[in-house]
């Protein structure tokens, strides 16, 4: 650590300047440069000028001695001996997109010395424009970033400044790095898309919904099926949202078949709940009632029977009678709304649902008592029951906590 003493000896010509002596004094770059100059070690002289950022003196030296710098050699020397000083040298070599050496070879050298940041910075400097002839270098940049610097890779994707790289190669690297969203942006084959899309825990839901916008109906259904197969309970709401967004393109029947194939009754219900709000197809409204009934959501069945303006009354009546739901209110609401009083009466009486029948006559719609009695007479109900029912009818207002008469 007494380089000043060495400097004194050199000035007094007590030491013979050699390249090896300059290497020993690298801790003081100015002394080592002076030694290299005296030893005519041109490569080390140029490397020292480059390390110190003295590119004007470097050029003057090369002109004076007609020396053609080997920039690859210079960069290697600096990478080995003084890597902290290599940034300005690489910027010079990049030469604003017209590199002074083979950039791929230089990057490989930097990677050997584990100078990842320097390698990526150099490639960015070499690629100031998005040119097709630089496709290999663009791919190399993404490969290094995805393997070593995920944040840089994400920044490059966000900037969207390169378009000629090997997208399939980059997609595979994204997938391997666990960046499934970026992988989906790059893959163009269905098998790879299906493999990545199931990783919903790592992908934005908004992105997935938008992702299906430009996908063909067949591929969309395949991907939705894959989502349901991979995680039926976890992905059903996502699939419902996507199917509800693109149902016109996918087709209602195909979506319902998809949920049926994957035994997703919940999916059918929530999907039809979305569609029924905007689509006036009577068949859709019926299927929604059917799905709600299967899930035991009788309140929703009741609401549809009460409010739907596109309901197939006879079809729904027959379905509710056939299914014989535990909750009879939806059937009562429907039959009262559309005048199926006789059908309702006969069904309730024959099934021994006399309490529900009495509630209908006494509280829900006493005005229909005559039709109820007539229906009971038609099916030859006992006289004492008819008399008892008739005597119990009151003309009070319907109970607000039972049903609201339409």
Protein backbone atom coordinates (compact mmCIF):
# COMPACT_ATOMS: atom_id res chain seq x y z
CA UNK A 1 0.00 0.00 0.00
CA UNK A 2 2.89 2.35 -0.68
CA UNK A 3 2.27 3.06 -4.36
CA UNK A 4 3.70 6.54 -3.86
CA UNK A 5 7.07 4.90 -3.24
CA UNK A 6 6.71 2.89 -6.45
CA UNK A 7 5.75 6.10 -8.27
CA UNK A 8 8.94 7.75 -6.92
CA UNK A 9 11.09 4.84 -8.08
CA UNK A 10 9.55 4.94 -11.54
CA UNK A 11 10.26 8.67 -11.88
CA UNK A 12 13.87 8.00 -10.78
CA UNK A 13 14.15 5.19 -13.34
CA UNK A 14 14.87 2.71 -10.57
CA UNK A 15 12.26 0.29 -11.91
CA UNK A 16 11.79 -1.14 -15.35
CA UNK A 17 8.12 -0.53 -16.40
CA UNK A 18 6.44 -3.76 -17.44
CA UNK A 19 2.87 -4.91 -17.98
CA UNK A 20 3.17 -7.16 -14.92
CA UNK A 21 4.24 -4.21 -12.76
CA UNK A 22 1.25 -2.21 -14.01
CA UNK A 23 -1.04 -5.08 -13.02
CA UNK A 24 0.43 -5.06 -9.50
CA UNK A 25 -0.40 -1.36 -9.15
CA UNK A 26 -4.02 -1.58 -10.35
CA UNK A 27 -5.21 -0.29 -6.99
CA UNK A 28 -3.99 3.11 -8.17
CA UNK A 29 -5.25 3.34 -11.79
CA UNK A 30 -3.22 6.47 -12.62
CA UNK A 31 0.06 4.84 -11.57
CA UNK A 32 -0.78 1.64 -13.42
CA UNK A 33 -1.64 3.71 -16.52
CA UNK A 34 1.72 5.51 -16.30
CA UNK A 35 3.48 2.13 -16.10
CA UNK A 36 1.53 0.71 -19.07
CA UNK A 37 2.40 3.80 -21.12
CA UNK A 38 6.09 3.41 -20.39
CA UNK A 39 5.92 -0.33 -21.04
CA UNK A 40 4.12 0.19 -24.39
CA UNK A 41 1.40 -2.21 -23.24
CA UNK A 42 -1.11 -0.73 -25.67
CA UNK A 43 -4.04 -3.03 -24.80
CA UNK A 44 -3.67 -2.22 -21.11
CA UNK A 45 -3.21 1.47 -21.87
CA UNK A 46 -6.45 1.60 -23.83
CA UNK A 47 -8.24 -0.45 -21.16
CA UNK A 48 -7.04 1.95 -18.45
CA UNK A 49 -8.16 5.00 -20.41
CA UNK A 50 -11.55 3.30 -20.85
CA UNK A 51 -11.83 2.46 -17.15
CA UNK A 52 -11.11 6.08 -16.27
CA UNK A 53 -13.62 7.33 -18.86
CA UNK A 54 -10.88 9.19 -20.73
CA UNK A 55 -12.15 8.33 -24.21
CA UNK A 56 -10.75 11.50 -25.77
CA UNK A 57 -7.24 10.58 -24.58
CA UNK A 58 -7.89 7.00 -25.63
CA UNK A 59 -8.65 8.12 -29.18
CA UNK A 60 -5.64 10.44 -29.22
CA UNK A 61 -3.39 7.61 -28.09
CA UNK A 62 -4.75 5.26 -30.78
CA UNK A 63 -4.24 7.90 -33.48
CA UNK A 64 -0.72 8.71 -32.33
CA UNK A 65 0.42 5.12 -32.31
CA UNK A 66 -1.88 3.87 -35.11
CA UNK A 67 -3.31 1.37 -32.70
CA UNK A 68 -6.61 -0.34 -33.50
CA UNK A 69 -8.27 -1.21 -30.18
CA UNK A 70 -9.59 -4.72 -29.66
CA UNK A 71 -12.69 -3.74 -27.75
CA UNK A 72 -13.56 -7.30 -26.92
CA UNK A 73 -10.17 -7.75 -25.34
CA UNK A 74 -10.44 -4.42 -23.52
CA UNK A 75 -13.89 -5.26 -22.13
CA UNK A 76 -12.63 -8.67 -21.00
CA UNK A 77 -9.67 -7.09 -19.20
CA UNK A 78 -11.92 -4.66 -17.37
CA UNK A 79 -14.53 -7.31 -16.56
CA UNK A 80 -11.84 -9.46 -14.98
CA UNK A 81 -9.82 -6.79 -13.17
CA UNK A 82 -12.16 -3.91 -12.46
CA UNK A 83 -15.80 -4.78 -13.21
CA UNK A 84 -17.13 -1.73 -11.34
CA UNK A 85 -15.64 0.47 -14.09
CA UNK A 86 -17.14 -1.38 -17.05
CA UNK A 87 -20.37 0.59 -17.49
CA UNK A 88 -18.92 3.54 -19.42
CA UNK A 89 -16.84 1.17 -21.55
CA UNK A 90 -19.90 -0.84 -22.56
CA UNK A 91 -21.79 2.36 -23.40
CA UNK A 92 -18.93 3.34 -25.68
CA UNK A 93 -18.87 -0.10 -27.31
CA UNK A 94 -22.66 -0.06 -27.80
CA UNK A 95 -22.12 3.04 -29.92
CA UNK A 96 -25.81 4.06 -29.96
CA UNK A 97 -26.98 0.88 -31.65
CA UNK A 98 -23.95 0.34 -33.90
CA UNK A 99 -21.79 -1.83 -31.64
CA UNK A 100 -18.03 -1.94 -32.08
CA UNK A 101 -17.92 -5.72 -31.42
CA UNK A 102 -20.21 -8.70 -31.82
CA UNK A 103 -22.76 -7.90 -29.08
CA UNK A 104 -23.73 -11.51 -28.55
CA UNK A 105 -20.13 -12.56 -27.92
CA UNK A 106 -19.63 -9.63 -25.56
CA UNK A 107 -22.78 -10.51 -23.60
CA UNK A 108 -21.65 -14.13 -23.27
CA UNK A 109 -18.35 -12.89 -21.86
CA UNK A 110 -20.13 -10.67 -19.34
CA UNK A 111 -22.34 -13.58 -18.28
CA UNK A 112 -19.25 -15.71 -17.67
CA UNK A 113 -18.15 -13.10 -15.13
CA UNK A 114 -21.74 -13.03 -13.74
CA UNK A 115 -22.14 -9.39 -14.72
CA UNK A 116 -25.88 -9.72 -15.30
CA UNK A 117 -26.78 -6.07 -14.87
CA UNK A 118 -23.98 -4.98 -17.15
CA UNK A 119 -25.06 -7.47 -19.81
CA UNK A 120 -28.69 -6.33 -19.81
CA UNK A 121 -27.74 -2.64 -19.77
CA UNK A 122 -25.42 -3.20 -22.71
CA UNK A 123 -28.13 -4.98 -24.70
CA UNK A 124 -30.59 -2.17 -24.00
CA UNK A 125 -28.00 0.34 -25.27
CA UNK A 126 -27.41 -1.81 -28.35
CA UNK A 127 -31.17 -1.91 -29.07
CA UNK A 128 -32.30 1.74 -29.21
CA UNK A 129 -34.65 0.89 -32.07
CA UNK A 130 -37.08 -1.97 -32.70
CA UNK A 131 -35.52 -3.61 -35.75
CA UNK A 132 -36.20 -7.01 -37.25
CA UNK A 133 -32.50 -7.69 -37.75
CA UNK A 134 -32.05 -7.48 -33.97
CA UNK A 135 -34.57 -10.24 -33.20
CA UNK A 136 -31.90 -12.56 -31.79
CA UNK A 137 -30.56 -9.87 -29.47
CA UNK A 138 -34.06 -8.97 -28.32
CA UNK A 139 -34.69 -12.62 -27.47
CA UNK A 140 -31.36 -12.80 -25.64
CA UNK A 141 -32.25 -9.73 -23.58
CA UNK A 142 -35.58 -11.20 -22.49
CA UNK A 143 -33.93 -14.55 -21.74
CA UNK A 144 -31.34 -12.97 -19.43
CA UNK A 145 -33.92 -10.75 -17.75
CA UNK A 146 -36.47 -13.53 -17.17
CA UNK A 147 -33.82 -15.88 -15.77
CA UNK A 148 -32.06 -13.33 -13.59
CA UNK A 149 -33.96 -10.05 -13.26
CA UNK A 150 -37.77 -10.53 -13.28
CA UNK A 151 -38.42 -6.85 -12.49
CA UNK A 152 -36.44 -5.77 -15.52
CA UNK A 153 -38.32 -8.28 -17.67
CA UNK A 154 -41.63 -6.86 -16.45
CA UNK A 155 -40.44 -3.36 -17.22
CA UNK A 156 -39.50 -4.40 -20.75
CA UNK A 157 -42.92 -5.99 -21.26
CA UNK A 158 -44.65 -2.89 -19.91
CA UNK A 159 -42.70 -0.58 -22.22
CA UNK A 160 -43.69 -2.75 -25.20
CA UNK A 161 -40.64 -1.52 -27.08
CA UNK A 162 -39.62 -4.79 -28.76
CA UNK A 163 -41.67 -6.83 -31.20
CA UNK A 164 -39.29 -9.08 -33.16
CA UNK A 165 -38.11 -11.45 -30.43
CA UNK A 166 -38.90 -15.17 -30.45
CA UNK A 167 -42.31 -15.04 -28.79
CA UNK A 168 -42.61 -18.81 -28.34
CA UNK A 169 -39.21 -18.93 -26.64
CA UNK A 170 -40.06 -15.98 -24.40
CA UNK A 171 -43.46 -17.50 -23.59
CA UNK A 172 -41.79 -20.70 -22.39
CA UNK A 173 -39.36 -18.68 -20.26
CA UNK A 174 -42.25 -16.70 -18.74
CA UNK A 175 -44.05 -19.91 -17.88
CA UNK A 176 -40.95 -21.42 -16.33
CA UNK A 177 -40.48 -18.25 -14.27
CA UNK A 178 -44.07 -18.50 -13.03
CA UNK A 179 -45.17 -15.41 -14.94
CA UNK A 180 -48.24 -17.09 -16.43
CA UNK A 181 -49.96 -13.87 -17.43
CA UNK A 182 -47.09 -12.82 -19.68
CA UNK A 183 -46.85 -16.38 -20.97
CA UNK A 184 -50.50 -16.23 -22.04
CA UNK A 185 -49.82 -12.97 -23.86
CA UNK A 186 -47.24 -14.76 -25.99
CA UNK A 187 -48.48 -18.31 -26.51
CA UNK A 188 -50.50 -18.92 -29.68
CA UNK A 189 -51.17 -22.67 -29.39
CA UNK A 190 -54.16 -24.02 -27.49
CA UNK A 191 -52.33 -26.70 -25.51
CA UNK A 192 -49.91 -24.15 -24.01
CA UNK A 193 -52.71 -21.69 -23.30
CA UNK A 194 -54.73 -24.37 -21.47
CA UNK A 195 -51.66 -25.36 -19.46
CA UNK A 196 -51.03 -21.79 -18.31
CA UNK A 197 -54.54 -20.49 -17.87
CA UNK A 198 -55.34 -22.76 -14.94
CA UNK A 199 -52.83 -20.87 -12.76
CA UNK A 200 -55.50 -18.35 -11.85
CA UNK A 201 -53.86 -17.60 -8.50
CA UNK A 202 -51.07 -15.82 -10.40
CA UNK A 203 -53.14 -14.09 -13.08
CA UNK A 204 -55.26 -10.96 -12.82
CA UNK A 205 -58.97 -11.71 -13.19
CA UNK A 206 -59.45 -8.54 -15.25
CA UNK A 207 -56.71 -9.75 -17.59
CA UNK A 208 -58.35 -13.16 -17.97
CA UNK A 209 -61.73 -11.65 -18.77
CA UNK A 210 -60.19 -9.42 -21.42
CA UNK A 211 -58.05 -12.29 -22.71
CA UNK A 212 -61.13 -14.10 -23.99
CA UNK A 213 -62.24 -11.11 -26.04
CA UNK A 214 -60.26 -12.10 -29.13
CA UNK A 215 -60.32 -15.86 -28.63
CA UNK A 216 -62.43 -18.03 -30.91
CA UNK A 217 -65.60 -19.58 -29.40
CA UNK A 218 -64.22 -23.13 -29.66
CA UNK A 219 -60.97 -22.23 -27.92
CA UNK A 220 -62.84 -20.20 -25.33
CA UNK A 221 -65.04 -23.15 -24.39
CA UNK A 222 -61.99 -25.44 -24.23
CA UNK A 223 -60.21 -23.05 -21.87
CA UNK A 224 -63.30 -22.58 -19.70
CA UNK A 225 -63.66 -26.34 -19.49
CA UNK A 226 -60.02 -26.61 -18.41
CA UNK A 227 -60.60 -24.02 -15.69
CA UNK A 228 -63.57 -25.96 -14.32
CA UNK A 229 -61.77 -29.29 -14.48
CA UNK A 230 -58.66 -28.01 -12.71
CA UNK A 231 -60.47 -26.27 -9.85
CA UNK A 232 -64.26 -26.67 -10.01
CA UNK A 233 -65.10 -24.67 -6.88
CA UNK A 234 -62.32 -22.11 -7.07
CA UNK A 235 -62.84 -21.17 -10.71
CA UNK A 236 -66.59 -21.41 -11.14
CA UNK A 237 -67.24 -17.73 -10.43
CA UNK A 238 -64.50 -16.69 -12.86
CA UNK A 239 -65.92 -18.96 -15.55
CA UNK A 240 -69.40 -17.57 -14.91
CA UNK A 241 -68.10 -14.02 -15.31
CA UNK A 242 -66.30 -14.82 -18.56
CA UNK A 243 -69.22 -16.81 -19.96
CA UNK A 244 -71.62 -14.06 -18.91
CA UNK A 245 -69.47 -11.47 -20.68
CA UNK A 246 -69.18 -13.36 -23.96
CA UNK A 247 -72.37 -15.47 -23.97
CA UNK A 248 -73.52 -14.06 -27.29
CA UNK A 249 -70.33 -15.28 -28.94
CA UNK A 250 -70.14 -18.58 -27.06
CA UNK A 251 -73.82 -19.53 -27.30
CA UNK A 252 -76.05 -20.14 -24.30
CA UNK A 253 -76.60 -23.82 -25.05
CA UNK A 254 -72.87 -24.51 -25.37
CA UNK A 255 -72.15 -22.75 -22.08
CA UNK A 256 -74.89 -24.66 -20.27
CA UNK A 257 -73.61 -27.92 -21.78
CA UNK A 258 -70.15 -26.98 -20.51
CA UNK A 259 -71.44 -26.59 -16.95
CA UNK A 260 -73.42 -29.81 -17.24
CA UNK A 261 -70.35 -31.72 -18.42
CA UNK A 262 -68.41 -30.53 -15.40
CA UNK A 263 -71.30 -31.12 -12.96
CA UNK A 264 -71.43 -27.45 -12.07
CA UNK A 265 -75.00 -26.67 -11.08
CA UNK A 266 -73.79 -23.51 -9.41
CA UNK A 267 -72.24 -22.43 -12.67
CA UNK A 268 -75.48 -22.83 -14.60
CA UNK A 269 -77.42 -20.89 -11.98
CA UNK A 270 -75.06 -17.93 -11.72
CA UNK A 271 -74.50 -17.82 -15.48
CA UNK A 272 -78.21 -17.75 -16.23
CA UNK A 273 -78.72 -15.18 -13.49
CA UNK A 274 -76.46 -12.84 -15.47
CA UNK A 275 -77.99 -13.63 -18.83
CA UNK A 276 -81.63 -13.51 -17.68
CA UNK A 277 -81.17 -9.91 -16.59
CA UNK A 278 -80.36 -8.80 -20.13
CA UNK A 279 -81.82 -11.46 -22.40
CA UNK A 280 -85.55 -11.81 -22.99
CA UNK A 281 -85.58 -15.37 -24.29
CA UNK A 282 -88.36 -17.34 -22.51
CA UNK A 283 -86.27 -20.50 -22.67
CA UNK A 284 -83.43 -18.78 -20.80
CA UNK A 285 -85.84 -17.64 -18.11
CA UNK A 286 -87.17 -21.17 -17.78
CA UNK A 287 -83.68 -22.62 -17.50
CA UNK A 288 -82.83 -20.08 -14.85
CA UNK A 289 -85.91 -21.11 -12.83
CA UNK A 290 -84.89 -24.74 -13.30
CA UNK A 291 -81.34 -24.07 -12.11
CA UNK A 292 -82.53 -22.07 -9.09
CA UNK A 293 -84.91 -24.87 -8.12
CA UNK A 294 -82.18 -27.49 -8.33
CA UNK A 295 -80.01 -25.42 -6.00
CA UNK A 296 -82.90 -24.89 -3.58
CA UNK A 297 -82.99 -21.16 -4.18
CA UNK A 298 -86.77 -21.04 -3.99
CA UNK A 299 -86.87 -17.32 -3.28
CA UNK A 300 -85.38 -16.68 -6.72
CA UNK A 301 -87.86 -19.08 -8.31
CA UNK A 302 -90.64 -17.14 -6.62
CA UNK A 303 -89.22 -13.82 -7.85
CA UNK A 304 -89.11 -15.05 -11.44
CA UNK A 305 -92.64 -16.45 -11.23
CA UNK A 306 -93.79 -13.11 -9.88
CA UNK A 307 -91.88 -10.66 -12.09
CA UNK A 308 -90.59 -12.23 -15.31
CA UNK A 309 -92.27 -10.74 -18.35
CA UNK A 310 -90.95 -13.53 -20.58
CA UNK A 311 -91.88 -16.57 -18.58
CA UNK A 312 -93.47 -19.62 -20.24
CA UNK A 313 -96.27 -19.93 -17.71
CA UNK A 314 -97.59 -23.37 -18.69
CA UNK A 315 -94.11 -24.84 -18.99
CA UNK A 316 -93.06 -23.49 -15.60
CA UNK A 317 -96.34 -24.64 -14.02
CA UNK A 318 -95.84 -28.19 -15.30
CA UNK A 319 -92.22 -28.18 -14.15
CA UNK A 320 -93.02 -26.99 -10.63
CA UNK A 321 -95.83 -29.53 -10.28
CA UNK A 322 -93.63 -32.33 -11.54
CA UNK A 323 -90.74 -31.39 -9.25
CA UNK A 324 -93.00 -30.88 -6.24
CA UNK A 325 -90.62 -28.46 -4.54
CA UNK A 326 -90.55 -28.33 -0.74
CA UNK A 327 -91.54 -24.67 -0.98
CA UNK A 328 -94.95 -24.32 -2.64
CA UNK A 329 -94.97 -20.52 -2.72
CA UNK A 330 -93.43 -20.24 -6.25
CA UNK A 331 -96.17 -22.49 -7.66
CA UNK A 332 -98.85 -20.56 -5.79
CA UNK A 333 -97.51 -17.24 -7.07
CA UNK A 334 -97.34 -18.50 -10.66
CA UNK A 335 -100.80 -20.09 -10.69
CA UNK A 336 -102.41 -17.07 -9.07
CA UNK A 337 -100.70 -14.71 -11.52
CA UNK A 338 -101.72 -16.61 -14.63
CA UNK A 339 -105.08 -17.95 -13.49
CA UNK A 340 -104.15 -21.61 -13.01
CA UNK A 341 -106.26 -21.72 -9.86
CA UNK A 342 -107.94 -25.05 -10.64
CA UNK A 343 -104.60 -26.69 -11.46
CA UNK A 344 -103.12 -25.37 -8.23
CA UNK A 345 -106.12 -26.53 -6.20
CA UNK A 346 -106.14 -30.05 -7.57
CA UNK A 347 -102.38 -30.44 -7.13
CA UNK A 348 -102.30 -29.20 -3.53
CA UNK A 349 -105.33 -31.22 -2.47
CA UNK A 350 -104.26 -34.48 -4.12
CA UNK A 351 -100.78 -34.15 -2.57
CA UNK A 352 -102.40 -33.49 0.81
CA UNK A 353 -100.95 -29.98 1.02
CA UNK A 354 -104.15 -28.76 2.62
CA UNK A 355 -102.40 -26.22 4.82
CA UNK A 356 -100.95 -24.46 1.76
CA UNK A 357 -104.33 -24.58 0.02
CA UNK A 358 -106.06 -23.07 3.03
CA UNK A 359 -103.40 -20.36 3.28
CA UNK A 360 -103.94 -19.46 -0.36
CA UNK A 361 -107.71 -19.11 0.05
CA UNK A 362 -107.68 -17.48 3.48
CA UNK A 363 -104.77 -15.08 3.26
CA UNK A 364 -103.25 -14.84 -0.17
CA UNK A 365 -106.24 -14.36 -2.47
CA UNK A 366 -109.66 -14.88 -0.87
CA UNK A 367 -111.26 -13.64 -4.10
CA UNK A 368 -110.34 -16.98 -5.67
CA UNK A 369 -112.28 -18.97 -3.07
CA UNK A 370 -115.12 -19.68 -5.49
CA UNK A 371 -112.79 -21.18 -8.09
CA UNK A 372 -110.99 -23.22 -5.45
CA UNK A 373 -114.30 -24.61 -4.14
CA UNK A 374 -115.39 -25.40 -7.70
CA UNK A 375 -112.16 -27.30 -8.36
CA UNK A 376 -112.58 -29.27 -5.13
CA UNK A 377 -116.12 -30.22 -6.14
CA UNK A 378 -114.82 -31.37 -9.56
CA UNK A 379 -112.40 -33.80 -7.95
CA UNK A 380 -115.11 -34.91 -5.48
CA UNK A 381 -113.44 -33.68 -2.32
CA UNK A 382 -115.37 -34.51 0.88
CA UNK A 383 -118.30 -32.20 1.56
CA UNK A 384 -117.26 -31.52 5.15
CA UNK A 385 -113.79 -30.35 3.99
CA UNK A 386 -115.30 -28.04 1.40
CA UNK A 387 -117.72 -26.61 3.94
CA UNK A 388 -114.97 -26.12 6.51
CA UNK A 389 -112.76 -24.37 3.95
CA UNK A 390 -115.58 -22.16 2.77
CA UNK A 391 -116.46 -21.12 6.31
CA UNK A 392 -112.82 -20.25 7.07
CA UNK A 393 -112.47 -17.79 4.21
CA UNK A 394 -112.07 -14.23 5.39
CA UNK A 395 -111.89 -11.05 3.44
CA UNK A 396 -108.95 -9.56 5.27
CA UNK A 397 -106.01 -8.13 3.32
CA UNK A 398 -103.27 -10.61 2.32
CA UNK A 399 -100.57 -11.14 4.89
CA UNK A 400 -97.61 -8.95 3.97
CA UNK A 401 -95.12 -11.35 5.47
CA UNK A 402 -96.36 -14.29 3.38
CA UNK A 403 -96.82 -13.13 -0.20
CA UNK A 404 -97.67 -10.00 -2.11
CA UNK A 405 -100.62 -10.47 -4.43
CA UNK A 406 -99.77 -9.32 -7.99
